[in-house]
Amino acid sequence: MHVIVGAGPVGSSTARLLAARGERVRMITRRGTGPAAPGIELVAADATDADRLTELTAGASALYNCANPLYHRWLTDWPPLADSLLRAAERSGAVLVIAGNLYGYGPVTAPIDEYTPLAATHPKLRIRAQMWEDALALHRAGRIRVTEVRASDYLGFQANSGLGDYVLARTTKGSGAMMWGDPDAPHSWTAIPDVARTLVAVSGDERAWGSAWLVPTPPAISARQAAVRANELIGAPAAKVSRMPYPMLWSAGLFSPMIKEMRTTYYQFAKPFTMDSSLTERTFGLAPTPMDETLADTAARYCDA
């Protein structure tokens, strides 16, 4: 059995993939939401309750952290949830598989790879690095088995992505869009199905445990290039993407706590922000979904929405 905490895009994609392979899946969310499919059991529970989470994880081979608290609540919501997951993994013996991101690296000047240190100092960025370091310490002490897969910004329909929700959602319908930072800066975009495939691959492979891995991701392209290519693929007029002035982003944050938090990660879009996932690809025999395939699917779905 596989236990997944969180039913967002990554958790749901992972659940469907496991179920399609004939695995038994238990999904845990506060309201018992998730994909309605054979082999997937939906459970309403508070994952910060370590005793309840341990009970639900009994007999599981892997416990997946696919949760995603609201970004402006990370500092309050992540610590109790991360602690509960560690305790449940230790008590149950399930491999803890964490769906991570690149925030813990902080600003970088070269493509992120397996040698890039977790150098973030801002509390909102540092918390993801601390979660991994706490889990790794328990792994090295022999108390749990853990691995983490790290994705860049998601590319997919309604994937909580700036490129999708703020750009493609408009350009595929013929409207202009604005992107904060530099819309011409190369950026790595990770397809959600690739995150799911990597989570499943590392969950049962001892070579993965005790290390973090970068999700297979296609070569970087800019937000403008992505929008233009997406429209080409679905036969839509040329996409128009302009730069959102930082003062406009700052002002919008006065009215939206989510947009306010984008100031923290502005550096990821102000200049090139890329990753090199070749080690993961070589080690586990994985390959990223071609960019055109993901762009075409995402653009078509936004166009029809």
C-alpha atoms as a PDB file:
ATOM      1  CA  MET A   1       0.000   0.000   0.000  1.00  0.00           C
ATOM      2  CA  HIS A   2       1.067   3.568  -0.716  1.00  0.00           C
ATOM      3  CA  VAL A   3      -0.122   6.477   1.445  1.00  0.00           C
ATOM      4  CA  ILE A   4      -0.242   9.956  -0.077  1.00  0.00           C
ATOM      5  CA  VAL A   5      -0.783  13.111   1.957  1.00  0.00           C
ATOM      6  CA  GLY A   6      -2.220  15.843  -0.243  1.00  0.00           C
ATOM      7  CA  ALA A   7      -4.525  15.684  -3.259  1.00  0.00           C
ATOM      8  CA  GLY A   8      -3.220  18.584  -5.315  1.00  0.00           C
ATOM      9  CA  PRO A   9      -1.922  18.177  -8.865  1.00  0.00           C
ATOM     10  CA  VAL A  10       1.157  16.168  -7.806  1.00  0.00           C
ATOM     11  CA  GLY A  11      -0.567  13.995  -5.204  1.00  0.00           C
ATOM     12  CA  SER A  12      -3.457  13.205  -7.535  1.00  0.00           C
ATOM     13  CA  SER A  13      -1.162  12.425 -10.468  1.00  0.00           C
ATOM     14  CA  THR A  14       0.924  10.134  -8.265  1.00  0.00           C
ATOM     15  CA  ALA A  15      -2.168   8.351  -6.981  1.00  0.00           C
ATOM     16  CA  ARG A  16      -3.487   7.731 -10.492  1.00  0.00           C
ATOM     17  CA  LEU A  17      -0.112   6.435 -11.651  1.00  0.00           C
ATOM     18  CA  LEU A  18       0.176   3.996  -8.763  1.00  0.00           C
ATOM     19  CA  ALA A  19      -3.423   2.816  -9.134  1.00  0.00           C
ATOM     20  CA  ALA A  20      -2.926   2.255 -12.864  1.00  0.00           C
ATOM     21  CA  ARG A  21      -0.045  -0.042 -11.956  1.00  0.00           C
ATOM     22  CA  GLY A  22      -2.314  -2.088  -9.732  1.00  0.00           C
ATOM     23  CA  GLU A  23      -1.093  -0.634  -6.435  1.00  0.00           C
ATOM     24  CA  ARG A  24      -3.378   0.084  -3.516  1.00  0.00           C
ATOM     25  CA  VAL A  25      -3.394   3.794  -2.684  1.00  0.00           C
ATOM     26  CA  ARG A  26      -4.695   5.660   0.358  1.00  0.00           C
ATOM     27  CA  MET A  27      -5.010   9.442  -0.011  1.00  0.00           C
ATOM     28  CA  ILE A  28      -5.262  11.629   3.073  1.00  0.00           C
ATOM     29  CA  THR A  29      -6.665  15.157   3.070  1.00  0.00           C
ATOM     30  CA  ARG A  30      -8.653  17.150   5.605  1.00  0.00           C
ATOM     31  CA  ARG A  31     -11.862  16.782   3.583  1.00  0.00           C
ATOM     32  CA  GLY A  32     -11.259  13.384   2.033  1.00  0.00           C
ATOM     33  CA  THR A  33     -10.863  14.772  -1.491  1.00  0.00           C
ATOM     34  CA  GLY A  34      -8.931  13.218  -4.347  1.00  0.00           C
ATOM     35  CA  PRO A  35      -9.310  11.252  -7.587  1.00  0.00           C
ATOM     36  CA  ALA A  36     -12.277   8.892  -7.686  1.00  0.00           C
ATOM     37  CA  ALA A  37     -10.703   5.831  -9.275  1.00  0.00           C
ATOM     38  CA  PRO A  38     -10.448   2.098  -8.586  1.00  0.00           C
ATOM     39  CA  GLY A  39      -7.655   1.331  -6.166  1.00  0.00           C
ATOM     40  CA  ILE A  40      -7.667   4.777  -4.557  1.00  0.00           C
ATOM     41  CA  GLU A  41      -9.107   5.096  -1.053  1.00  0.00           C
ATOM     42  CA  LEU A  42      -9.925   8.638   0.044  1.00  0.00           C
ATOM     43  CA  VAL A  43      -9.618   9.352   3.758  1.00  0.00           C
ATOM     44  CA  ALA A  44     -10.534  12.528   5.636  1.00  0.00           C
ATOM     45  CA  ALA A  45      -7.979  13.090   8.383  1.00  0.00           C
ATOM     46  CA  ASP A  46      -5.710  15.725   9.861  1.00  0.00           C
ATOM     47  CA  ALA A  47      -2.200  14.774   8.762  1.00  0.00           C
ATOM     48  CA  THR A  48      -0.687  16.880  11.551  1.00  0.00           C
ATOM     49  CA  ASP A  49      -2.074  14.288  14.001  1.00  0.00           C
ATOM     50  CA  ALA A  50       0.913  11.943  14.141  1.00  0.00           C
ATOM     51  CA  ASP A  51      -1.012   9.181  15.920  1.00  0.00           C
ATOM     52  CA  ARG A  52      -3.781   9.161  13.323  1.00  0.00           C
ATOM     53  CA  LEU A  53      -1.310   9.402  10.453  1.00  0.00           C
ATOM     54  CA  THR A  54       0.689   6.496  11.880  1.00  0.00           C
ATOM     55  CA  GLU A  55      -2.493   4.436  12.115  1.00  0.00           C
ATOM     56  CA  LEU A  56      -3.348   5.165   8.489  1.00  0.00           C
ATOM     57  CA  THR A  57       0.209   4.384   7.359  1.00  0.00           C
ATOM     58  CA  ALA A  58       0.453   0.997   9.098  1.00  0.00           C
ATOM     59  CA  GLY A  59       1.611  -1.624   6.608  1.00  0.00           C
ATOM     60  CA  ALA A  60       2.422   0.911   3.879  1.00  0.00           C
ATOM     61  CA  SER A  61       5.568   0.586   1.810  1.00  0.00           C
ATOM     62  CA  ALA A  62       5.806   4.335   1.210  1.00  0.00           C
ATOM     63  CA  LEU A  63       4.440   7.570   2.636  1.00  0.00           C
ATOM     64  CA  TYR A  64       4.397  10.487   0.194  1.00  0.00           C
ATOM     65  CA  ASN A  65       4.458  14.099   1.303  1.00  0.00           C
ATOM     66  CA  CYS A  66       2.562  15.775  -1.537  1.00  0.00           C
ATOM     67  CA  ALA A  67       0.964  18.387   0.700  1.00  0.00           C
ATOM     68  CA  ASN A  68       1.091  22.037  -0.288  1.00  0.00           C
ATOM     69  CA  PRO A  69      -0.007  24.510   2.393  1.00  0.00           C
ATOM     70  CA  LEU A  70      -0.974  27.961   1.188  1.00  0.00           C
ATOM     71  CA  TYR A  71       2.261  29.754   0.476  1.00  0.00           C
ATOM     72  CA  HIS A  72       1.600  32.612   2.864  1.00  0.00           C
ATOM     73  CA  ARG A  73       1.058  30.047   5.652  1.00  0.00           C
ATOM     74  CA  TRP A  74       4.219  28.002   5.197  1.00  0.00           C
ATOM     75  CA  LEU A  75       5.897  29.214   8.373  1.00  0.00           C
ATOM     76  CA  THR A  76       2.918  28.188  10.498  1.00  0.00           C
ATOM     77  CA  ASP A  77       1.577  25.136   8.639  1.00  0.00           C
ATOM     78  CA  TRP A  78       4.706  23.278   7.528  1.00  0.00           C
ATOM     79  CA  PRO A  79       6.431  22.582  10.889  1.00  0.00           C
ATOM     80  CA  PRO A  80       3.625  20.532  12.512  1.00  0.00           C
ATOM     81  CA  LEU A  81       2.893  18.678   9.280  1.00  0.00           C
ATOM     82  CA  ALA A  82       6.542  17.877   8.583  1.00  0.00           C
ATOM     83  CA  ASP A  83       7.020  16.656  12.157  1.00  0.00           C
ATOM     84  CA  SER A  84       3.960  14.415  11.930  1.00  0.00           C
ATOM     85  CA  LEU A  85       5.197  12.880   8.682  1.00  0.00           C
ATOM     86  CA  LEU A  86       8.594  12.125  10.221  1.00  0.00           C
ATOM     87  CA  ARG A  87       7.005  10.480  13.245  1.00  0.00           C
ATOM     88  CA  ALA A  88       4.627   8.421  11.128  1.00  0.00           C
ATOM     89  CA  ALA A  89       7.475   7.279   8.879  1.00  0.00           C
ATOM     90  CA  GLU A  90       9.546   6.222  11.878  1.00  0.00           C
ATOM     91  CA  ARG A  91       6.716   4.359  13.584  1.00  0.00           C
ATOM     92  CA  SER A  92       5.390   2.640  10.462  1.00  0.00           C
ATOM     93  CA  GLY A  93       8.665   1.893   8.694  1.00  0.00           C
ATOM     94  CA  ALA A  94       7.314   3.307   5.426  1.00  0.00           C
ATOM     95  CA  VAL A  95       9.781   5.082   3.158  1.00  0.00           C
ATOM     96  CA  LEU A  96       9.123   8.823   3.363  1.00  0.00           C
ATOM     97  CA  VAL A  97       9.060  10.295  -0.156  1.00  0.00           C
ATOM     98  CA  ILE A  98       8.971  14.093  -0.249  1.00  0.00           C
ATOM     99  CA  ALA A  99       7.751  16.163  -3.188  1.00  0.00           C
ATOM    100  CA  GLY A 100      10.076  19.144  -2.902  1.00  0.00           C
ATOM    101  CA  ASN A 101      11.044  22.210  -4.901  1.00  0.00           C
ATOM    102  CA  LEU A 102      14.020  24.467  -5.586  1.00  0.00           C
ATOM    103  CA  TYR A 103      13.311  27.111  -2.949  1.00  0.00           C
ATOM    104  CA  GLY A 104      15.891  25.758  -0.523  1.00  0.00           C
ATOM    105  CA  TYR A 105      18.728  26.661  -2.888  1.00  0.00           C
ATOM    106  CA  GLY A 106      17.972  30.366  -2.794  1.00  0.00           C
ATOM    107  CA  PRO A 107      19.348  32.656  -5.549  1.00  0.00           C
ATOM    108  CA  VAL A 108      21.810  30.882  -7.836  1.00  0.00           C
ATOM    109  CA  THR A 109      24.187  31.927 -10.602  1.00  0.00           C
ATOM    110  CA  ALA A 110      24.408  28.604 -12.474  1.00  0.00           C
ATOM    111  CA  PRO A 111      22.107  25.690 -13.297  1.00  0.00           C
ATOM    112  CA  ILE A 112      21.063  23.807 -10.162  1.00  0.00           C
ATOM    113  CA  ASP A 113      22.456  20.271 -10.000  1.00  0.00           C
ATOM    114  CA  GLU A 114      23.398  17.647  -7.413  1.00  0.00           C
ATOM    115  CA  TYR A 115      26.320  19.769  -6.190  1.00  0.00           C
ATOM    116  CA  THR A 116      24.365  22.974  -5.580  1.00  0.00           C
ATOM    117  CA  PRO A 117      24.175  23.744  -1.849  1.00  0.00           C
ATOM    118  CA  LEU A 118      20.962  24.552  -0.005  1.00  0.00           C
ATOM    119  CA  ALA A 119      21.959  28.151   0.647  1.00  0.00           C
ATOM    120  CA  ALA A 120      18.621  29.932   1.094  1.00  0.00           C
ATOM    121  CA  THR A 121      18.470  32.352   4.017  1.00  0.00           C
ATOM    122  CA  HIS A 122      14.984  33.867   3.740  1.00  0.00           C
ATOM    123  CA  PRO A 123      12.682  32.081   6.241  1.00  0.00           C
ATOM    124  CA  LYS A 124      10.107  31.205   3.564  1.00  0.00           C
ATOM    125  CA  LEU A 125      12.795  29.590   1.430  1.00  0.00           C
ATOM    126  CA  ARG A 126      14.827  28.152   4.268  1.00  0.00           C
ATOM    127  CA  ILE A 127      11.946  26.151   5.692  1.00  0.00           C
ATOM    128  CA  ARG A 128      12.007  23.686   2.790  1.00  0.00           C
ATOM    129  CA  ALA A 129      15.737  23.172   3.248  1.00  0.00           C
ATOM    130  CA  GLN A 130      15.242  22.643   6.976  1.00  0.00           C
ATOM    131  CA  MET A 131      12.535  20.041   6.369  1.00  0.00           C
ATOM    132  CA  TRP A 132      14.952  18.025   4.250  1.00  0.00           C
ATOM    133  CA  GLU A 133      17.830  18.413   6.701  1.00  0.00           C
ATOM    134  CA  ASP A 134      15.657  17.229   9.602  1.00  0.00           C
ATOM    135  CA  ALA A 135      14.524  14.181   7.618  1.00  0.00           C
ATOM    136  CA  LEU A 136      18.047  13.412   6.435  1.00  0.00           C
ATOM    137  CA  ALA A 137      19.355  13.526  10.010  1.00  0.00           C
ATOM    138  CA  LEU A 138      16.838  10.849  11.021  1.00  0.00           C
ATOM    139  CA  HIS A 139      17.752   8.784   7.967  1.00  0.00           C
ATOM    140  CA  ARG A 140      21.449   8.903   8.848  1.00  0.00           C
ATOM    141  CA  ALA A 141      20.598   7.910  12.404  1.00  0.00           C
ATOM    142  CA  GLY A 142      18.856   4.812  11.044  1.00  0.00           C
ATOM    143  CA  ARG A 143      15.451   5.873  12.299  1.00  0.00           C
ATOM    144  CA  ILE A 144      13.713   6.392   8.951  1.00  0.00           C
ATOM    145  CA  ARG A 145      14.295   5.917   5.226  1.00  0.00           C
ATOM    146  CA  VAL A 146      13.738   9.079   3.208  1.00  0.00           C
ATOM    147  CA  THR A 147      14.231  10.572  -0.227  1.00  0.00           C
ATOM    148  CA  GLU A 148      13.147  13.810  -1.867  1.00  0.00           C
ATOM    149  CA  VAL A 149      12.460  14.812  -5.457  1.00  0.00           C
ATOM    150  CA  ARG A 150      12.744  18.482  -6.370  1.00  0.00           C
ATOM    151  CA  ALA A 151      10.876  20.102  -9.229  1.00  0.00           C
ATOM    152  CA  SER A 152      11.084  23.541 -10.712  1.00  0.00           C
ATOM    153  CA  ASP A 153       7.935  25.592 -11.368  1.00  0.00           C
ATOM    154  CA  TYR A 154       5.156  23.327 -12.573  1.00  0.00           C
ATOM    155  CA  LEU A 155       3.891  23.339 -16.117  1.00  0.00           C
ATOM    156  CA  GLY A 156       0.372  22.016 -16.519  1.00  0.00           C
ATOM    157  CA  PHE A 157      -3.282  23.011 -16.458  1.00  0.00           C
ATOM    158  CA  GLN A 158      -4.260  24.758 -13.204  1.00  0.00           C
ATOM    159  CA  ALA A 159      -0.994  23.673 -11.634  1.00  0.00           C
ATOM    160  CA  ASN A 160      -0.484  26.704  -9.398  1.00  0.00           C
ATOM    161  CA  SER A 161       2.041  27.991 -11.910  1.00  0.00           C
ATOM    162  CA  GLY A 162       2.815  31.539 -12.949  1.00  0.00           C
ATOM    163  CA  LEU A 163       3.364  30.437 -16.515  1.00  0.00           C
ATOM    164  CA  GLY A 164       0.073  28.576 -16.671  1.00  0.00           C
ATOM    165  CA  ASP A 165      -2.308  30.491 -14.440  1.00  0.00           C
ATOM    166  CA  TYR A 166      -1.082  33.997 -15.294  1.00  0.00           C
ATOM    167  CA  VAL A 167       0.243  33.666 -18.843  1.00  0.00           C
ATOM    168  CA  LEU A 168      -1.128  30.699 -20.821  1.00  0.00           C
ATOM    169  CA  ALA A 169      -4.580  31.125 -19.315  1.00  0.00           C
ATOM    170  CA  ARG A 170      -4.736  34.458 -21.178  1.00  0.00           C
ATOM    171  CA  THR A 171      -2.522  34.082 -24.234  1.00  0.00           C
ATOM    172  CA  THR A 172      -4.251  30.897 -25.432  1.00  0.00           C
ATOM    173  CA  LYS A 173      -7.474  32.913 -25.634  1.00  0.00           C
ATOM    174  CA  GLY A 174      -5.903  35.713 -27.634  1.00  0.00           C
ATOM    175  CA  SER A 175      -5.349  38.139 -24.767  1.00  0.00           C
ATOM    176  CA  GLY A 176      -2.057  39.686 -23.795  1.00  0.00           C
ATOM    177  CA  ALA A 177      -0.402  38.610 -20.563  1.00  0.00           C
ATOM    178  CA  MET A 178       2.130  40.043 -18.141  1.00  0.00           C
ATOM    179  CA  MET A 179       4.891  38.124 -16.406  1.00  0.00           C
ATOM    180  CA  TRP A 180       6.842  39.393 -13.439  1.00  0.00           C
ATOM    181  CA  GLY A 181      10.619  39.402 -13.674  1.00  0.00           C
ATOM    182  CA  ASP A 182      12.194  39.078 -17.114  1.00  0.00           C
ATOM    183  CA  PRO A 183       9.868  37.243 -19.543  1.00  0.00           C
ATOM    184  CA  ASP A 184      12.897  36.487 -21.724  1.00  0.00           C
ATOM    185  CA  ALA A 185      15.025  34.884 -18.992  1.00  0.00           C
ATOM    186  CA  PRO A 186      15.545  31.118 -19.443  1.00  0.00           C
ATOM    187  CA  HIS A 187      13.601  29.175 -16.831  1.00  0.00           C
ATOM    188  CA  SER A 188      13.120  25.483 -16.064  1.00  0.00           C
ATOM    189  CA  TRP A 189       9.512  24.246 -16.138  1.00  0.00           C
ATOM    190  CA  THR A 190       8.678  20.768 -14.805  1.00  0.00           C
ATOM    191  CA  ALA A 191       5.722  18.715 -16.051  1.00  0.00           C
ATOM    192  CA  ILE A 192       3.544  17.355 -13.258  1.00  0.00           C
ATOM    193  CA  PRO A 193       3.420  13.774 -14.654  1.00  0.00           C
ATOM    194  CA  ASP A 194       7.227  13.751 -14.501  1.00  0.00           C
ATOM    195  CA  VAL A 195       7.091  14.622 -10.806  1.00  0.00           C
ATOM    196  CA  ALA A 196       4.736  11.697 -10.203  1.00  0.00           C
ATOM    197  CA  ARG A 197       6.888   9.280 -12.187  1.00  0.00           C
ATOM    198  CA  THR A 198       9.973  10.314 -10.239  1.00  0.00           C
ATOM    199  CA  LEU A 199       8.224   9.973  -6.874  1.00  0.00           C
ATOM    200  CA  VAL A 200       7.131   6.457  -7.726  1.00  0.00           C
ATOM    201  CA  ALA A 201      10.548   5.502  -9.096  1.00  0.00           C
ATOM    202  CA  VAL A 202      12.489   6.575  -6.001  1.00  0.00           C
ATOM    203  CA  SER A 203       9.984   5.189  -3.502  1.00  0.00           C
ATOM    204  CA  GLY A 204      11.043   1.607  -4.125  1.00  0.00           C
ATOM    205  CA  ASP A 205      14.678   2.045  -5.152  1.00  0.00           C
ATOM    206  CA  GLU A 206      17.237   1.839  -2.356  1.00  0.00           C
ATOM    207  CA  ARG A 207      19.712   3.849  -4.429  1.00  0.00           C
ATOM    208  CA  ALA A 208      17.470   6.877  -3.967  1.00  0.00           C
ATOM    209  CA  TRP A 209      17.159   6.761  -0.203  1.00  0.00           C
ATOM    210  CA  GLY A 210      19.162   9.279   1.780  1.00  0.00           C
ATOM    211  CA  SER A 211      19.498  11.641  -1.196  1.00  0.00           C
ATOM    212  CA  ALA A 212      17.519  14.319  -2.991  1.00  0.00           C
ATOM    213  CA  TRP A 213      16.917  14.129  -6.740  1.00  0.00           C
ATOM    214  CA  LEU A 214      15.976  16.670  -9.388  1.00  0.00           C
ATOM    215  CA  VAL A 215      12.881  15.746 -11.388  1.00  0.00           C
ATOM    216  CA  PRO A 216      13.658  15.149 -15.090  1.00  0.00           C
ATOM    217  CA  THR A 217      12.976  18.505 -16.728  1.00  0.00           C
ATOM    218  CA  PRO A 218      13.361  19.650 -20.365  1.00  0.00           C
ATOM    219  CA  PRO A 219      15.866  22.315 -21.418  1.00  0.00           C
ATOM    220  CA  ALA A 220      14.954  25.748 -20.080  1.00  0.00           C
ATOM    221  CA  ILE A 221      12.986  28.273 -22.098  1.00  0.00           C
ATOM    222  CA  SER A 222      11.656  31.702 -21.224  1.00  0.00           C
ATOM    223  CA  ALA A 223       8.050  32.472 -20.353  1.00  0.00           C
ATOM    224  CA  ARG A 224       7.676  34.390 -23.609  1.00  0.00           C
ATOM    225  CA  GLN A 225       9.119  31.529 -25.672  1.00  0.00           C
ATOM    226  CA  ALA A 226       6.798  29.080 -23.919  1.00  0.00           C
ATOM    227  CA  ALA A 227       3.707  31.189 -24.606  1.00  0.00           C
ATOM    228  CA  VAL A 228       4.612  31.767 -28.250  1.00  0.00           C
ATOM    229  CA  ARG A 229       5.318  28.088 -28.830  1.00  0.00           C
ATOM    230  CA  ALA A 230       2.170  27.005 -26.996  1.00  0.00           C
ATOM    231  CA  ASN A 231      -0.007  29.110 -29.286  1.00  0.00           C
ATOM    232  CA  GLU A 232       1.827  27.807 -32.349  1.00  0.00           C
ATOM    233  CA  LEU A 233       1.086  24.239 -31.259  1.00  0.00           C
ATOM    234  CA  ILE A 234      -2.666  24.840 -30.938  1.00  0.00           C
ATOM    235  CA  GLY A 235      -2.940  27.087 -33.977  1.00  0.00           C
ATOM    236  CA  ALA A 236      -3.710  30.246 -32.017  1.00  0.00           C
ATOM    237  CA  PRO A 237      -2.514  33.764 -32.903  1.00  0.00           C
ATOM    238  CA  ALA A 238       0.954  34.761 -31.765  1.00  0.00           C
ATOM    239  CA  ALA A 239       1.098  35.188 -28.006  1.00  0.00           C
ATOM    240  CA  LYS A 240       1.928  38.601 -26.571  1.00  0.00           C
ATOM    241  CA  VAL A 241       3.728  38.668 -23.236  1.00  0.00           C
ATOM    242  CA  SER A 242       4.990  41.834 -21.590  1.00  0.00           C
ATOM    243  CA  ARG A 243       6.960  42.502 -18.458  1.00  0.00           C
ATOM    244  CA  MET A 244       5.092  43.302 -15.247  1.00  0.00           C
ATOM    245  CA  PRO A 245       6.865  46.189 -13.504  1.00  0.00           C
ATOM    246  CA  TYR A 246       7.959  45.265  -9.998  1.00  0.00           C
ATOM    247  CA  PRO A 247       5.989  48.155  -8.438  1.00  0.00           C
ATOM    248  CA  MET A 248       2.830  46.669  -9.979  1.00  0.00           C
ATOM    249  CA  LEU A 249       3.592  43.259  -8.451  1.00  0.00           C
ATOM    250  CA  TRP A 250       4.354  44.909  -5.113  1.00  0.00           C
ATOM    251  CA  SER A 251       1.102  46.889  -5.185  1.00  0.00           C
ATOM    252  CA  ALA A 252      -0.976  43.834  -6.097  1.00  0.00           C
ATOM    253  CA  GLY A 253       0.438  42.152  -3.021  1.00  0.00           C
ATOM    254  CA  LEU A 254      -1.327  44.705  -0.837  1.00  0.00           C
ATOM    255  CA  PHE A 255      -4.620  43.065  -1.783  1.00  0.00           C
ATOM    256  CA  SER A 256      -3.607  39.409  -2.175  1.00  0.00           C
ATOM    257  CA  PRO A 257      -1.510  37.472   0.358  1.00  0.00           C
ATOM    258  CA  MET A 258      -0.573  34.968  -2.338  1.00  0.00           C
ATOM    259  CA  ILE A 259       0.703  37.628  -4.753  1.00  0.00           C
ATOM    260  CA  LYS A 260       2.523  39.302  -1.879  1.00  0.00           C
ATOM    261  CA  GLU A 261       4.539  36.131  -1.363  1.00  0.00           C
ATOM    262  CA  MET A 262       5.730  36.229  -4.976  1.00  0.00           C
ATOM    263  CA  ARG A 263       8.077  39.009  -3.920  1.00  0.00           C
ATOM    264  CA  THR A 264      10.068  36.358  -2.048  1.00  0.00           C
ATOM    265  CA  THR A 265      10.739  34.299  -5.170  1.00  0.00           C
ATOM    266  CA  TYR A 266      11.026  37.211  -7.594  1.00  0.00           C
ATOM    267  CA  TYR A 267      14.711  36.377  -8.032  1.00  0.00           C
ATOM    268  CA  GLN A 268      13.737  33.135  -9.785  1.00  0.00           C
ATOM    269  CA  PHE A 269      12.169  35.108 -12.634  1.00  0.00           C
ATOM    270  CA  ALA A 270      14.376  38.203 -12.735  1.00  0.00           C
ATOM    271  CA  LYS A 271      17.265  36.292 -14.340  1.00  0.00           C
ATOM    272  CA  PRO A 272      18.003  32.768 -15.621  1.00  0.00           C
ATOM    273  CA  PHE A 273      16.848  30.092 -13.165  1.00  0.00           C
ATOM    274  CA  THR A 274      17.534  26.607 -14.476  1.00  0.00           C
ATOM    275  CA  MET A 275      18.288  23.063 -13.387  1.00  0.00           C
ATOM    276  CA  ASP A 276      20.241  20.061 -14.673  1.00  0.00           C
ATOM    277  CA  SER A 277      18.395  16.799 -13.967  1.00  0.00           C
ATOM    278  CA  SER A 278      20.756  14.526 -15.901  1.00  0.00           C
ATOM    279  CA  LEU A 279      21.889  12.576 -12.818  1.00  0.00           C
ATOM    280  CA  THR A 280      18.324  11.538 -12.020  1.00  0.00           C
ATOM    281  CA  GLU A 281      17.717  10.617 -15.643  1.00  0.00           C
ATOM    282  CA  ARG A 282      20.837   8.429 -15.821  1.00  0.00           C
ATOM    283  CA  THR A 283      20.333   6.795 -12.441  1.00  0.00           C
ATOM    284  CA  PHE A 284      16.707   5.762 -12.803  1.00  0.00           C
ATOM    285  CA  GLY A 285      16.311   5.579 -16.565  1.00  0.00           C
ATOM    286  CA  LEU A 286      13.809   8.438 -16.627  1.00  0.00           C
ATOM    287  CA  ALA A 287      13.325  11.136 -19.239  1.00  0.00           C
ATOM    288  CA  PRO A 288      11.350  14.374 -19.145  1.00  0.00           C
ATOM    289  CA  THR A 289       8.179  14.732 -21.151  1.00  0.00           C
ATOM    290  CA  PRO A 290       9.055  16.710 -24.302  1.00  0.00           C
ATOM    291  CA  MET A 291       8.297  20.394 -23.809  1.00  0.00           C
ATOM    292  CA  ASP A 292       6.113  20.570 -26.923  1.00  0.00           C
ATOM    293  CA  GLU A 293       3.932  17.734 -25.625  1.00  0.00           C
ATOM    294  CA  THR A 294       3.340  19.440 -22.281  1.00  0.00           C
ATOM    295  CA  LEU A 295       2.831  22.859 -23.834  1.00  0.00           C
ATOM    296  CA  ALA A 296       0.324  21.555 -26.383  1.00  0.00           C
ATOM    297  CA  ASP A 297      -1.736  19.753 -23.749  1.00  0.00           C
ATOM    298  CA  THR A 298      -1.636  22.652 -21.304  1.00  0.00           C
ATOM    299  CA  ALA A 299      -2.457  25.272 -23.935  1.00  0.00           C
ATOM    300  CA  ALA A 300      -5.357  23.286 -25.342  1.00  0.00           C
ATOM    301  CA  ARG A 301      -6.896  22.866 -21.913  1.00  0.00           C
ATOM    302  CA  TYR A 302      -6.558  26.547 -21.056  1.00  0.00           C
ATOM    303  CA  CYS A 303      -7.997  27.481 -24.422  1.00  0.00           C
ATOM    304  CA  ASP A 304     -11.069  25.314 -23.790  1.00  0.00           C
ATOM    305  CA  ALA A 305     -11.517  26.340 -20.148  1.00  0.00           C
END
